[in-house]
């Protein structure tokens, strides 16, 4: 049997898929991206809501539902990813996978090391394409070049 959390998500997704649904985090991010006039690549077709009861509205709702399912899945996995690196004593950093367009939410966090806080780990917004990667260990005796600088840790 599936874990209760997955069952709850499946029930919610079924309920959501039968009608239009409210998602305050989505609305907040949509407003922020619209104000910045930059939408991340995963937000294709979600820049603004179409008129209700149209084929475009149905496509919009399904696209938004897909983004919600992905968002919930990524949030649920965040602690596992963090534990993976922490258990092995590996430093990790945030890295954007998709650099086609700038992302006002992710750009300031790109290449920063993650600390103990889960909020400092992706996903930072619905549709976030950032990942956590291991920080390469520098060989002993290697001196940092003058143009290399340390990135601050996200706490």
Protein backbone atom coordinates (compact mmCIF):
# COMPACT_ATOMS: atom_id res chain seq x y z
CA UNK A 1 0.00 0.00 0.00
CA UNK A 2 1.19 3.52 -0.76
CA UNK A 3 2.34 5.69 2.15
CA UNK A 4 -0.42 7.92 3.62
CA UNK A 5 1.26 11.08 2.34
CA UNK A 6 1.10 9.83 -1.26
CA UNK A 7 -2.50 8.75 -0.82
CA UNK A 8 -3.40 12.22 0.50
CA UNK A 9 -1.67 13.83 -2.48
CA UNK A 10 -3.50 11.52 -4.88
CA UNK A 11 -6.86 12.33 -3.28
CA UNK A 12 -6.08 16.04 -3.40
CA UNK A 13 -4.98 15.80 -7.03
CA UNK A 14 -8.21 13.99 -7.91
CA UNK A 15 -10.30 16.64 -6.17
CA UNK A 16 -8.31 19.43 -7.78
CA UNK A 17 -8.49 17.91 -11.24
CA UNK A 18 -12.27 18.10 -11.31
CA UNK A 19 -12.52 21.89 -10.89
CA UNK A 20 -10.53 25.07 -10.87
CA UNK A 21 -8.49 25.36 -7.70
CA UNK A 22 -6.85 27.99 -5.55
CA UNK A 23 -3.13 27.82 -4.90
CA UNK A 24 -1.94 30.93 -3.03
CA UNK A 25 1.79 30.15 -3.47
CA UNK A 26 1.29 29.92 -7.22
CA UNK A 27 -0.55 33.24 -7.27
CA UNK A 28 2.20 34.89 -5.24
CA UNK A 29 4.96 33.59 -7.53
CA UNK A 30 2.98 34.42 -10.65
CA UNK A 31 2.63 38.02 -9.44
CA UNK A 32 6.35 38.21 -8.58
CA UNK A 33 7.43 36.87 -11.97
CA UNK A 34 4.96 39.15 -13.77
CA UNK A 35 6.32 42.16 -11.86
CA UNK A 36 9.87 41.18 -12.86
CA UNK A 37 8.64 40.52 -16.43
CA UNK A 38 10.58 37.25 -16.37
CA UNK A 39 9.02 33.81 -16.05
CA UNK A 40 11.12 30.68 -15.52
CA UNK A 41 11.09 28.15 -18.38
CA UNK A 42 8.73 25.73 -16.58
CA UNK A 43 6.06 28.45 -16.52
CA UNK A 44 5.25 28.29 -20.23
CA UNK A 45 1.54 28.93 -20.68
CA UNK A 46 1.07 30.15 -17.10
CA UNK A 47 1.92 33.82 -17.45
CA UNK A 48 -1.72 34.84 -16.99
CA UNK A 49 -5.02 33.08 -16.49
CA UNK A 50 -7.22 32.81 -19.60
CA UNK A 51 -10.97 33.48 -19.54
CA UNK A 52 -12.98 30.82 -17.69
CA UNK A 53 -14.81 28.00 -19.47
CA UNK A 54 -12.58 27.99 -22.54
CA UNK A 55 -10.26 25.32 -23.94
CA UNK A 56 -7.37 27.59 -22.95
CA UNK A 57 -8.64 27.67 -19.37
CA UNK A 58 -8.67 23.88 -19.24
CA UNK A 59 -5.12 23.67 -20.62
CA UNK A 60 -4.04 26.31 -18.10
CA UNK A 61 -5.65 24.39 -15.22
CA UNK A 62 -3.97 21.13 -16.26
CA UNK A 63 -0.59 22.83 -16.63
CA UNK A 64 -1.00 24.44 -13.20
CA UNK A 65 -2.02 21.07 -11.73
CA UNK A 66 1.11 19.46 -13.18
CA UNK A 67 3.25 22.18 -11.65
CA UNK A 68 1.54 21.62 -8.27
CA UNK A 69 2.20 17.87 -8.36
CA UNK A 70 5.85 18.48 -9.25
CA UNK A 71 6.17 21.12 -6.50
CA UNK A 72 4.74 18.79 -3.83
CA UNK A 73 7.01 15.95 -4.94
CA UNK A 74 10.13 18.11 -4.86
CA UNK A 75 9.27 19.55 -1.45
CA UNK A 76 8.75 16.04 -0.09
CA UNK A 77 12.18 14.94 -1.34
CA UNK A 78 14.09 17.94 -0.03
CA UNK A 79 14.85 16.44 3.39
CA UNK A 80 16.08 13.19 1.81
CA UNK A 81 18.49 15.05 -0.44
CA UNK A 82 19.76 17.09 2.49
CA UNK A 83 20.24 13.95 4.60
CA UNK A 84 22.14 12.26 1.76
CA UNK A 85 24.83 14.93 1.73
CA UNK A 86 24.88 15.46 5.52
CA UNK A 87 25.21 11.74 6.28
CA UNK A 88 28.32 11.55 4.12
CA UNK A 89 29.78 14.82 5.34
CA UNK A 90 29.73 16.28 1.84
CA UNK A 91 29.36 20.01 1.33
CA UNK A 92 26.71 20.88 -1.22
CA UNK A 93 25.65 23.88 -3.25
CA UNK A 94 22.68 25.04 -5.29
CA UNK A 95 23.03 25.01 -9.04
CA UNK A 96 20.56 26.11 -11.70
CA UNK A 97 20.04 23.47 -14.37
CA UNK A 98 18.36 25.69 -16.90
CA UNK A 99 20.14 28.91 -17.73
CA UNK A 100 18.16 29.85 -20.84
CA UNK A 101 16.40 32.68 -19.05
CA UNK A 102 17.25 34.47 -15.84
CA UNK A 103 15.16 33.60 -12.81
CA UNK A 104 14.58 36.39 -10.29
CA UNK A 105 14.04 33.83 -7.53
CA UNK A 106 16.97 31.51 -8.22
CA UNK A 107 19.72 33.74 -9.60
CA UNK A 108 20.72 35.13 -6.18
CA UNK A 109 20.98 31.58 -4.79
CA UNK A 110 22.88 29.97 -7.66
CA UNK A 111 26.23 28.43 -6.66
CA UNK A 112 25.72 29.09 -2.94
CA UNK A 113 26.46 26.40 -0.42
CA UNK A 114 23.53 24.99 1.48
CA UNK A 115 23.53 24.87 5.24
CA UNK A 116 21.33 23.06 7.70
CA UNK A 117 18.10 24.85 6.78
CA UNK A 118 15.80 23.06 4.34
CA UNK A 119 14.46 26.41 3.13
CA UNK A 120 17.91 27.07 1.69
CA UNK A 121 17.48 24.11 -0.67
CA UNK A 122 15.54 23.87 -3.92
CA UNK A 123 12.81 24.06 -4.95
CA UNK A 124 12.60 27.77 -4.30
CA UNK A 125 9.42 28.24 -6.34
CA UNK A 126 7.02 26.09 -8.36
CA UNK A 127 8.77 24.95 -11.51
CA UNK A 128 12.22 25.50 -10.00
CA UNK A 129 14.96 23.73 -11.96
CA UNK A 130 17.69 24.16 -9.36
CA UNK A 131 19.44 21.12 -7.96
CA UNK A 132 21.83 20.42 -5.11
CA UNK A 133 25.27 19.20 -6.15
CA UNK A 134 28.37 18.21 -4.22
CA UNK A 135 31.05 20.85 -3.78
CA UNK A 136 34.26 19.50 -5.28
CA UNK A 137 37.03 18.96 -2.78
CA UNK A 138 40.14 20.92 -3.64
CA UNK A 139 43.36 18.92 -3.60
CA UNK A 140 45.62 19.65 -0.64
CA UNK A 141 48.10 22.37 -1.33
CA UNK A 142 46.12 23.97 -4.14
CA UNK A 143 46.06 27.71 -3.77
CA UNK A 144 42.98 29.66 -4.66
CA UNK A 145 43.38 31.89 -7.70
CA UNK A 146 42.94 35.61 -7.15
CA UNK A 147 39.79 35.63 -9.29
CA UNK A 148 38.19 32.75 -7.36
CA UNK A 149 36.08 33.69 -4.41
CA UNK A 150 34.11 31.79 -1.87
CA UNK A 151 30.36 31.90 -2.16
CA UNK A 152 28.50 32.66 1.06
CA UNK A 153 26.58 29.82 2.68
CA UNK A 154 22.80 29.90 2.74
CA UNK A 155 21.63 29.40 6.29
